Protein backbone atom coordinates (compact mmCIF):
# COMPACT_ATOMS: atom_id res chain seq x y z
CA MET A 1 5.39 6.28 15.18
CA ALA A 2 9.05 7.11 14.89
CA ASP A 3 11.43 4.53 16.28
CA LYS A 4 13.99 7.08 17.54
CA PRO A 5 13.85 10.82 18.41
CA GLN A 6 15.20 13.36 15.99
CA ASP A 7 14.86 17.15 16.07
CA LYS A 8 13.26 18.93 13.16
CA ASN A 9 13.75 22.70 13.21
CA LEU A 10 13.66 23.40 9.49
CA PHE A 11 10.58 25.65 9.92
CA PRO A 12 9.55 27.52 13.05
CA SER A 13 5.97 26.21 12.95
CA SER A 14 6.69 22.63 11.89
CA ILE A 15 5.45 19.67 13.86
CA PRO A 16 8.18 18.70 16.36
CA GLN A 17 7.78 14.95 15.88
CA ASN A 18 10.01 13.58 13.14
CA PRO A 19 8.72 12.17 10.95
CA ALA A 20 5.33 13.79 11.44
CA PRO A 21 2.34 11.60 10.60
CA VAL A 22 -0.27 12.72 8.09
CA ALA A 23 -3.09 11.87 10.50
CA ASP A 24 -4.54 14.60 12.75
CA SER A 25 -2.33 13.86 15.73
CA GLN A 26 -2.09 15.79 19.00
CA ASN A 27 1.27 17.25 17.90
CA ARG A 28 -0.35 18.65 14.77
CA LYS A 29 -3.21 20.12 16.77
CA ASN A 30 -0.72 21.80 19.12
CA ALA A 31 1.28 23.20 16.17
CA VAL A 32 -1.89 24.58 14.54
CA ARG A 33 -3.02 26.05 17.87
CA SER A 34 0.33 27.79 18.37
CA GLN A 35 0.23 29.17 14.83
CA VAL A 36 -3.33 30.47 15.38
CA ASP A 37 -2.17 32.26 18.53
CA ARG A 38 0.69 33.91 16.64
CA ILE A 39 -1.65 35.04 13.87
CA MET A 40 -4.19 36.45 16.34
CA SER A 41 -1.43 38.21 18.27
CA ALA A 42 -0.20 39.90 15.11
CA PHE A 43 -3.78 40.81 14.22
CA MET A 44 -4.43 42.42 17.57
CA LYS A 45 -1.29 44.53 17.25
CA VAL A 46 -2.39 46.11 13.99
CA LEU A 47 -5.97 46.91 15.06
CA PRO A 48 -6.88 50.64 15.11
CA SER A 49 -7.34 52.37 18.45
CA ASN A 50 -11.13 52.29 18.19
CA TYR A 51 -10.96 48.48 18.47
CA VAL A 52 -10.20 48.03 22.11
CA SER A 53 -11.08 44.33 22.69
CA GLN A 54 -8.16 42.14 23.68
CA VAL A 55 -10.12 38.88 23.88
CA SER A 56 -12.06 36.77 21.38
CA GLY A 57 -15.40 38.15 22.25
CA PRO A 58 -16.63 40.62 19.63
CA PHE A 59 -17.94 39.36 16.30
CA TYR A 60 -14.96 40.60 14.29
CA THR A 61 -12.51 38.68 16.50
CA LEU A 62 -14.53 35.49 16.11
CA GLN A 63 -14.52 35.92 12.33
CA PHE A 64 -10.78 36.44 12.23
CA GLN A 65 -10.31 33.53 14.66
CA ALA A 66 -12.01 31.22 12.14
CA ALA A 67 -9.88 32.59 9.30
CA ALA A 68 -6.72 32.26 11.39
CA GLU A 69 -7.45 28.61 12.14
CA LYS A 70 -7.85 27.81 8.42
CA ILE A 71 -4.73 29.82 7.51
CA ALA A 72 -2.73 28.05 10.24
CA ASP A 73 -3.84 24.65 8.99
CA ILE A 74 -2.79 25.55 5.44
CA GLN A 75 0.57 26.91 6.63
CA ILE A 76 1.37 23.81 8.69
CA THR A 77 0.38 21.54 5.80
CA ALA A 78 2.46 23.59 3.34
CA GLN A 79 5.49 23.50 5.61
CA GLU A 80 5.24 19.73 6.06
CA THR A 81 4.81 19.29 2.28
CA MET A 82 7.92 21.39 1.64
CA ALA A 83 9.80 19.37 4.25
CA ASP A 84 8.94 16.22 2.25
CA ASN A 85 11.52 17.37 -0.33
CA PHE A 86 14.28 16.60 2.19
CA THR A 87 14.57 12.85 2.78
CA ASP A 88 15.53 13.48 6.40
CA TYR A 89 12.04 14.87 7.03
CA THR A 90 9.86 13.11 4.45
CA ARG A 91 6.76 11.76 6.12
CA PRO A 92 6.49 7.93 6.18
CA GLU A 93 3.28 7.96 4.14
CA PHE A 94 5.13 9.57 1.21
CA LEU A 95 8.61 8.10 1.67
CA TRP A 96 8.02 5.25 -0.78
CA GLN A 97 6.52 7.47 -3.50
CA ILE A 98 9.37 10.01 -3.28
CA VAL A 99 12.43 7.80 -2.69
CA GLY A 100 11.48 4.12 -2.77
CA SER A 101 9.98 4.15 -6.25
CA LEU A 102 13.26 5.52 -7.62
CA VAL A 103 15.38 2.86 -5.90
CA PHE A 104 13.03 -0.03 -6.77
CA PRO A 105 11.25 0.89 -10.02
CA ASP A 106 10.05 -2.72 -10.55
CA ALA A 107 8.40 -2.98 -7.13
CA LYS A 108 4.94 -3.57 -8.64
CA THR A 109 6.14 -6.88 -10.06
CA ASP A 110 9.09 -7.77 -7.80
CA GLY A 111 7.67 -6.52 -4.48
CA TRP A 112 9.23 -4.12 -1.97
CA PRO A 113 11.34 -4.72 1.14
CA LYS A 114 9.64 -5.22 4.49
CA ILE A 115 11.54 -3.22 7.10
CA GLU A 116 10.17 -2.32 10.52
CA GLY A 117 10.37 1.28 11.76
CA ASP A 118 9.87 4.45 9.74
CA LEU A 119 13.27 5.97 10.53
CA THR A 120 14.96 2.63 9.89
CA TYR A 121 13.18 2.46 6.54
CA ARG A 122 14.26 6.03 5.77
CA ASP A 123 17.91 5.25 6.54
CA PHE A 124 17.69 2.12 4.40
CA LEU A 125 16.40 4.00 1.35
CA GLN A 126 18.95 6.80 1.75
CA ASN A 127 21.80 4.29 1.91
CA MET A 128 20.41 2.44 -1.11
CA VAL A 129 20.59 5.66 -3.13
CA LEU A 130 24.25 6.09 -2.20
CA LEU A 131 25.01 2.45 -3.09
CA LEU A 132 23.33 2.76 -6.49
CA LEU A 133 25.51 5.76 -7.29
CA ARG A 134 28.66 3.69 -6.56
CA GLY A 135 27.87 1.09 -9.25
CA ALA A 136 27.36 -2.69 -9.28
CA LYS A 137 30.43 -3.99 -7.41
CA PRO A 138 31.01 -6.80 -4.88
CA ASP A 139 31.54 -4.40 -1.97
CA VAL A 140 28.34 -2.55 -2.89
CA ILE A 141 26.39 -5.83 -2.91
CA LYS A 142 27.85 -6.75 0.48
CA GLU A 143 27.00 -3.38 2.03
CA GLY A 144 23.50 -3.52 0.55
CA ILE A 145 22.79 -6.84 2.27
CA GLU A 146 24.31 -5.56 5.51
CA LEU A 147 21.61 -2.87 5.53
CA LEU A 148 19.12 -5.70 6.13
CA THR A 149 20.88 -7.71 8.83
CA ASP A 150 23.53 -7.44 11.53
CA ALA A 151 24.86 -10.90 10.67
CA THR A 152 28.16 -11.58 8.91
CA VAL A 153 27.80 -11.32 5.12
CA GLU A 154 30.23 -12.97 2.71
CA VAL A 155 30.18 -12.44 -1.07
CA ILE A 156 32.23 -14.96 -3.10
CA GLU A 157 32.85 -14.48 -6.81
CA ARG A 158 33.19 -18.01 -8.12
CA GLY A 159 35.20 -17.15 -11.22
CA ILE A 160 37.84 -15.21 -9.23
CA GLU A 161 38.06 -17.89 -6.53
CA ALA A 162 38.49 -20.57 -9.19
CA ARG A 163 41.45 -18.67 -10.68
CA LYS A 164 43.03 -18.37 -7.24
CA LEU A 165 42.82 -22.12 -6.71
CA LYS A 166 44.53 -22.73 -10.09
CA GLY A 167 42.57 -25.69 -11.38
CA THR A 168 41.80 -27.37 -8.04
CA SER A 169 38.35 -25.79 -7.71
CA ALA A 170 35.04 -27.41 -8.65
CA TRP A 171 34.10 -24.09 -10.26
CA GLY A 172 35.11 -23.46 -13.83
CA VAL A 173 34.44 -21.25 -16.83
CA ASP A 174 30.69 -21.83 -16.55
CA ASP A 175 30.74 -20.10 -13.15
CA GLN A 176 32.45 -16.89 -14.25
CA PHE A 177 29.24 -14.87 -13.98
CA THR A 178 27.96 -16.35 -10.72
CA PHE A 179 28.59 -15.49 -7.09
CA GLU A 180 27.58 -16.78 -3.67
CA ILE A 181 26.09 -14.93 -0.72
CA ASN A 182 26.70 -16.60 2.64
CA ILE A 183 25.10 -15.17 5.79
CA SER A 184 26.05 -16.48 9.22
CA GLU A 185 25.56 -15.33 12.80
CA GLU A 186 26.93 -16.59 16.09
CA ALA A 187 24.46 -17.68 18.78
CA GLY A 188 26.77 -17.74 21.77
CA THR A 189 29.42 -20.30 22.69
CA VAL A 190 29.65 -23.70 24.29
CA GLU A 191 32.57 -24.87 26.41
CA ILE A 192 34.33 -28.00 25.16
CA ASN A 193 37.55 -29.19 26.81
CA GLY A 194 37.93 -25.82 28.47
CA GLU A 195 37.57 -23.81 25.25
CA ASP A 196 34.63 -21.70 24.08
CA ILE A 197 33.34 -22.98 20.75
CA PRO A 198 31.01 -20.65 18.78
CA LEU A 199 27.52 -21.79 17.90
CA TYR A 200 25.58 -20.54 14.90
CA LYS A 201 21.93 -19.76 14.25
CA PHE A 202 19.71 -18.39 11.52
CA PRO A 203 20.81 -14.77 10.99
CA SER A 204 17.29 -13.43 11.44
CA GLU A 205 14.16 -14.00 13.46
CA ASP A 206 12.35 -14.25 10.13
CA PRO A 207 14.82 -15.85 7.67
CA PHE A 208 12.22 -16.03 4.90
CA ASN A 209 11.57 -12.30 5.08
CA LEU A 210 15.33 -11.66 5.06
CA ALA A 211 15.78 -13.88 2.00
CA ARG A 212 12.99 -12.01 0.22
CA ASN A 213 14.49 -8.61 1.14
CA VAL A 214 17.90 -9.73 -0.13
CA GLN A 215 16.34 -10.83 -3.42
CA ILE A 216 14.75 -7.41 -3.91
CA VAL A 217 17.91 -5.50 -2.96
CA LEU A 218 20.08 -7.59 -5.28
CA ARG A 219 17.62 -6.98 -8.07
CA ALA A 220 18.57 -3.30 -7.75
CA LEU A 221 22.31 -3.61 -6.99
CA LYS A 222 23.76 -6.64 -8.77
CA PRO A 223 24.95 -6.59 -12.42
CA GLY A 224 22.21 -7.69 -14.79
CA HIS A 225 24.23 -10.54 -16.34
CA THR A 226 25.10 -12.31 -13.09
CA LEU A 227 23.43 -15.10 -11.10
CA TYR A 228 23.81 -15.85 -7.42
CA ASP A 229 23.20 -18.51 -4.75
CA TYR A 230 21.89 -17.32 -1.38
CA ARG A 231 22.63 -19.40 1.72
CA HIS A 232 22.27 -19.22 5.48
CA LEU A 233 25.58 -20.73 6.51
CA PHE A 234 26.09 -22.82 9.63
CA LYS A 235 29.68 -23.60 10.62
CA ASP A 236 30.73 -26.69 12.56
CA SER A 237 33.96 -26.83 14.52
CA PHE A 238 35.35 -30.33 15.01
CA GLN A 239 38.94 -29.57 15.84
CA HIS A 240 38.07 -29.34 19.55
CA LEU A 241 36.22 -32.66 19.60
CA PHE A 242 39.15 -34.87 18.62
CA THR A 243 42.39 -35.21 20.50
CA GLU A 244 43.84 -38.24 18.68
CA SER A 245 45.35 -38.35 15.22
CA MET A 246 42.95 -38.83 12.34
CA THR A 247 43.40 -41.16 9.36
CA PHE A 248 41.19 -41.76 6.36
CA ASP A 249 41.18 -43.62 3.05
CA LEU A 250 40.83 -41.54 -0.09
CA THR A 251 39.23 -42.98 -3.21
CA SER A 252 38.61 -41.22 -6.50
CA TYR A 253 35.02 -40.06 -6.79
CA TYR A 254 35.16 -40.73 -10.51
CA TYR A 255 36.24 -44.37 -10.19
CA GLN A 256 33.07 -45.49 -11.99
CA ASP A 257 34.38 -43.87 -15.15
CA LEU A 258 37.27 -46.36 -15.09
CA ARG A 259 34.86 -49.26 -15.41
CA ARG A 260 32.97 -50.51 -18.44
CA PHE A 261 29.57 -52.12 -18.89
CA TRP A 262 30.60 -54.81 -21.32
CA LEU A 263 27.03 -55.84 -22.12
CA GLY A 264 25.78 -52.27 -22.64
CA ALA A 265 25.17 -50.93 -26.15
CA LYS A 266 27.73 -48.28 -26.96
CA ARG A 267 26.06 -46.55 -29.90
CA VAL A 268 23.52 -46.62 -32.72
CA THR A 269 24.85 -46.12 -36.24
CA GLY A 270 23.26 -45.45 -39.61
CA THR A 271 23.80 -44.13 -43.12
CA ALA A 272 20.40 -42.52 -43.80
CA GLY A 273 20.60 -39.56 -41.43
CA ILE A 274 18.66 -36.46 -42.46
CA THR A 275 19.22 -32.92 -41.21
CA LEU A 276 15.80 -31.24 -41.41
CA THR A 277 15.19 -27.67 -42.51
CA ASP A 278 15.30 -26.39 -38.92
CA ARG A 279 18.92 -27.71 -38.74
CA THR A 280 18.47 -28.53 -35.03
CA LEU A 281 16.43 -31.65 -35.92
CA PHE A 282 18.11 -34.84 -37.09
CA SER A 283 16.08 -37.81 -38.36
CA ASP A 284 16.61 -41.38 -39.52
CA PRO A 285 13.32 -43.15 -40.40
CA THR A 286 15.10 -46.51 -40.52
CA ARG A 287 16.14 -46.40 -36.84
CA ASP A 288 14.45 -46.50 -33.44
CA PHE A 289 15.92 -43.91 -31.04
CA THR A 290 14.03 -45.14 -27.96
CA SER A 291 17.28 -45.96 -26.15
CA ILE A 292 18.86 -42.54 -26.82
CA GLN A 293 18.88 -40.28 -23.75
CA PRO A 294 19.17 -36.45 -23.62
CA GLY A 295 22.83 -35.54 -23.29
CA ALA A 296 24.04 -38.20 -25.73
CA ILE A 297 26.50 -37.11 -28.43
CA LEU A 298 25.56 -37.41 -32.11
CA THR A 299 28.54 -37.57 -34.45
CA ILE A 300 28.18 -36.87 -38.18
CA LEU A 301 30.80 -38.93 -40.03
CA ASP A 302 30.65 -37.43 -43.53
CA GLY A 303 29.44 -34.39 -45.43
CA PRO A 304 29.53 -30.69 -44.53
CA ASN A 305 27.97 -31.26 -41.11
CA SER A 306 30.97 -33.33 -40.05
CA GLU A 307 33.21 -30.27 -40.20
CA HIS A 308 33.75 -27.97 -37.20
CA ILE A 309 32.28 -24.49 -37.77
CA GLY A 310 33.45 -22.63 -34.67
CA ASP A 311 31.03 -21.58 -31.95
CA ASN A 312 28.04 -21.93 -34.31
CA GLU A 313 26.14 -18.66 -34.08
CA GLY A 314 27.50 -17.65 -30.68
CA ILE A 315 26.59 -20.90 -28.88
CA PRO A 316 29.77 -22.17 -27.15
CA VAL A 317 30.96 -25.65 -28.04
CA HIS A 318 31.08 -27.95 -24.99
CA LEU A 319 34.27 -29.74 -24.12
CA ASP A 320 32.75 -33.08 -25.13
CA GLU A 321 31.68 -31.59 -28.47
CA ASP A 322 35.05 -31.75 -30.17
CA TYR A 323 36.13 -30.47 -33.56
CA SER A 324 34.78 -33.34 -35.69
CA GLY A 325 31.08 -32.47 -35.98
CA ASN A 326 29.71 -33.63 -32.64
CA PHE A 327 26.30 -32.43 -31.44
CA ARG A 328 24.67 -32.87 -28.03
CA VAL A 329 21.16 -34.38 -28.03
CA GLU A 330 18.64 -32.23 -26.19
CA GLU A 331 15.42 -34.22 -26.76
CA VAL A 332 14.12 -37.33 -28.55
CA LEU A 333 10.95 -36.65 -30.59
CA PHE A 334 8.31 -38.60 -32.51
CA PHE A 335 7.26 -35.73 -34.76
CA PRO A 336 8.89 -32.34 -35.37
CA VAL A 337 5.70 -30.39 -34.60
CA GLY A 338 3.57 -32.78 -32.53
CA ASP A 339 -0.18 -33.34 -32.45
CA ASP A 340 -2.12 -32.74 -35.66
CA PRO A 341 -5.90 -33.40 -35.48
CA ILE A 342 -6.35 -32.87 -39.24
CA PHE A 343 -6.35 -35.97 -41.47
CA ARG A 344 -3.20 -35.82 -43.61
CA ALA A 345 -2.43 -37.94 -46.68
CA TYR A 346 0.25 -40.63 -46.36
CA THR A 347 1.84 -43.56 -48.15
CA THR A 348 3.88 -46.47 -46.76
CA SER A 349 6.77 -48.57 -47.98
CA PRO A 350 7.25 -51.43 -48.80
CA THR A 351 3.59 -52.48 -48.36
CA GLY A 352 2.19 -49.50 -50.27
CA LEU A 353 -0.65 -48.57 -47.90
CA ILE A 354 -2.34 -45.22 -48.56
CA GLY A 355 -4.87 -43.09 -46.69
CA THR A 356 -5.22 -40.13 -44.34
CA ALA A 357 -4.36 -40.12 -40.64
CA THR A 358 -4.27 -37.86 -37.59
CA VAL A 359 -1.41 -37.53 -35.09
CA ASN A 360 -1.91 -37.72 -31.31
CA GLY A 361 1.32 -38.02 -29.37
CA ASP A 362 3.14 -41.01 -30.91
CA VAL A 363 -0.06 -42.60 -32.29
CA LEU A 364 -1.38 -42.43 -35.86
CA GLU A 365 -5.06 -43.12 -36.44
CA ASP A 366 -6.81 -43.92 -39.73
CA PRO A 367 -10.33 -45.38 -39.21
CA ASN A 368 -10.26 -46.78 -42.76
CA GLN A 369 -6.89 -48.52 -42.52
CA SER A 370 -5.95 -52.06 -41.45
CA TRP A 371 -2.49 -51.51 -40.02
CA GLU A 372 -1.98 -55.25 -39.44
CA ASN A 373 -1.18 -55.46 -43.15
CA ALA A 374 2.03 -53.51 -42.57
CA VAL A 375 5.28 -55.41 -42.09
CA GLU A 376 8.23 -54.99 -39.76
CA GLY A 377 10.32 -51.98 -40.79
CA GLU A 378 7.38 -50.27 -42.55
CA ILE A 379 8.11 -46.62 -43.33
CA LEU A 380 5.21 -44.13 -43.44
CA THR A 381 5.55 -40.82 -45.28
CA PHE A 382 3.26 -37.84 -44.75
CA THR A 383 3.00 -35.92 -48.01
CA ALA A 384 1.39 -32.80 -46.52
CA GLY A 385 0.98 -30.94 -43.24
CA PRO A 386 3.39 -29.67 -40.57
CA ASN A 387 4.74 -33.17 -39.91
CA SER A 388 5.63 -33.90 -43.52
CA GLY A 389 8.36 -36.53 -43.64
CA SER A 390 9.07 -40.22 -43.12
CA TYR A 391 8.57 -42.22 -39.91
CA LYS A 392 9.10 -45.82 -38.86
CA LEU A 393 6.01 -47.75 -37.70
CA LYS A 394 6.52 -49.77 -34.51
CA THR A 395 3.48 -51.37 -32.84
CA LEU A 396 -0.27 -51.79 -33.32
CA VAL A 397 -2.51 -50.14 -30.70
CA GLY A 398 -5.65 -51.75 -29.27
CA ASN A 399 -6.89 -55.03 -27.80
CA ASN A 400 -5.19 -56.95 -30.60
CA GLY A 401 -2.07 -54.79 -30.61
CA GLY A 402 1.57 -55.77 -30.54
CA LEU A 403 4.74 -55.61 -32.60
CA LEU A 404 4.27 -54.78 -36.25
CA GLY A 405 4.46 -57.92 -38.38
CA VAL A 406 3.67 -60.12 -35.37
CA ALA A 407 0.30 -58.89 -34.03
CA ILE A 408 -2.70 -60.09 -36.08
CA GLY A 409 -4.92 -57.05 -35.45
CA PRO A 410 -7.31 -55.68 -36.47
CA ALA A 411 -6.11 -52.16 -35.60
CA THR A 412 -6.87 -48.70 -36.90
CA ARG A 413 -4.16 -47.10 -34.76
CA VAL A 414 -0.42 -47.59 -34.85
CA LYS A 415 2.51 -46.22 -32.86
CA ILE A 416 5.66 -44.93 -34.49
CA ALA A 417 9.22 -45.26 -33.23
CA PRO A 418 10.97 -42.06 -32.06
CA ASN A 419 13.40 -41.31 -34.87
CA ILE A 420 14.03 -37.56 -34.48
CA LEU A 421 16.72 -35.97 -32.31
CA ARG A 422 16.58 -32.33 -31.27
CA LEU A 423 20.12 -30.93 -30.92
CA GLN A 424 21.46 -28.12 -28.75
CA ARG A 425 23.10 -26.34 -31.66
CA ARG A 426 22.40 -26.06 -35.36
CA MET A 427 24.14 -27.99 -38.08
CA SER A 428 25.60 -26.11 -41.01
CA LYS A 429 23.35 -27.52 -43.77
CA ALA A 430 20.02 -29.34 -44.17
CA ILE A 431 20.88 -32.48 -46.19
CA GLY A 432 20.19 -36.23 -46.20
CA SER A 433 22.01 -39.56 -46.60
CA GLN A 434 24.52 -38.86 -43.84
CA SER A 435 26.53 -41.49 -41.99
CA TYR A 436 26.40 -41.00 -38.23
CA LYS A 437 26.72 -42.56 -34.81
CA VAL A 438 24.94 -41.60 -31.59
CA ASP A 439 25.75 -42.71 -28.03
CA VAL A 440 23.46 -45.08 -26.13
CA ASP A 441 25.50 -45.87 -22.99
CA ARG A 442 28.53 -43.76 -22.07
CA LEU A 443 30.20 -46.75 -20.45
CA GLY A 444 28.80 -49.39 -22.79
CA MET A 445 31.07 -51.46 -25.07
CA GLN A 446 28.69 -53.35 -27.35
CA THR A 447 28.82 -51.99 -30.92
CA PRO A 448 26.53 -52.93 -33.83
CA ARG A 449 27.68 -56.04 -35.70
CA ARG A 450 26.21 -57.07 -39.02
CA VAL A 451 25.84 -60.81 -39.60
CA ASP A 452 24.61 -62.19 -42.93
CA GLY A 453 23.51 -65.72 -43.70
CA GLU A 454 22.90 -66.87 -40.10
CA ASP A 455 19.59 -68.33 -38.97
CA ALA A 456 18.85 -66.80 -35.55
CA THR A 457 15.23 -67.94 -35.24
CA ILE A 458 16.11 -70.44 -32.50
CA PHE A 459 16.91 -67.54 -30.20
CA PHE A 460 13.38 -66.11 -30.40
CA THR A 461 9.89 -67.29 -29.53
CA ARG A 462 6.51 -66.23 -30.89
């Protein structure tokens, strides 16, 4: 049913209700009946004088009555179909196919708005068409959301607000293509100290439906390259609750950065760094990168990869990736490809073990190998397969497992140490034998120290 009256006089025989339902309603029956009467009246006027009946009694009047009823039904249907071309009179059953599918072409995957009332839905779609023609602008986005709610809508472009605050905002360059949508609605007032203080509520009886409708509308109206945060905003007023002066102590939120963890390891260094063919993978089979966390900075100290090469294929350089060949670590890996159930040939150094092994996670398995024969620092090299390369063996796996060179075995499975770093941006060349350093603890101070000729066995137990 229509949610408000509206006259429709486009055609003299149209159904008075607007919009008219497709179903065989009483209004449609009345319109067809009136049209039949007009047809029969015209028929009676053109009858020859030898036909003197003025009522539907004779056989010829009954025949024409049946034809008139069918003609009237066709005429009413044709008039309503023609009226569908005008969005003011389009019937609700066809409103989505005619208008809605043009406004929301991705509705089959994104869904369509849920709006109560056929005339309300009609007005919404008509206004959406006008907004689309005005382009993707902040005021258009605001007006589009206001079609869904009577609450107060606020659209904040973070990049513009950050420029207004001139460096004092938490938003920066990374927020230049984002905006916020804040919706708030007053729920009356409360009297405090003789003043009326506004209260706030959810700006809809069904906030989840409103949030979904806003998502669909913004899919149609917002620029394609932008992101947004949607919030139901509640405002608290405290200025009326306090009558005395207020004091507070301010401390820097970043005070922890002024401190140092003197016992924390600052970095891992090496001289055997290898940039793999992918150029986003960096390996050192002589090191264990277990302590390296995503977000750490890898610095190449020599060679072509130590030189700054601009934004590196369009990927912006972060502020902590300076101009001396720094790369942010994205992930720590055991193998460049991962699991490999096929037995691949390998050799080890310095023990000289040979055989074929499979890869499952960080575990190598060779049923014919006695891994307890390997020594601490053993390097395994796959000579074939997707994981071709060198890897550092770490611990034996099984009931008799433990650190390599310490556990007595037997063991047919062995774990490797993670010695591959996946980087956020590519290096310039795939080469080996590079000197490097990579962060372990941002606030740590302990750096590697090499000591020769000192017996440290008293500090360890077996």
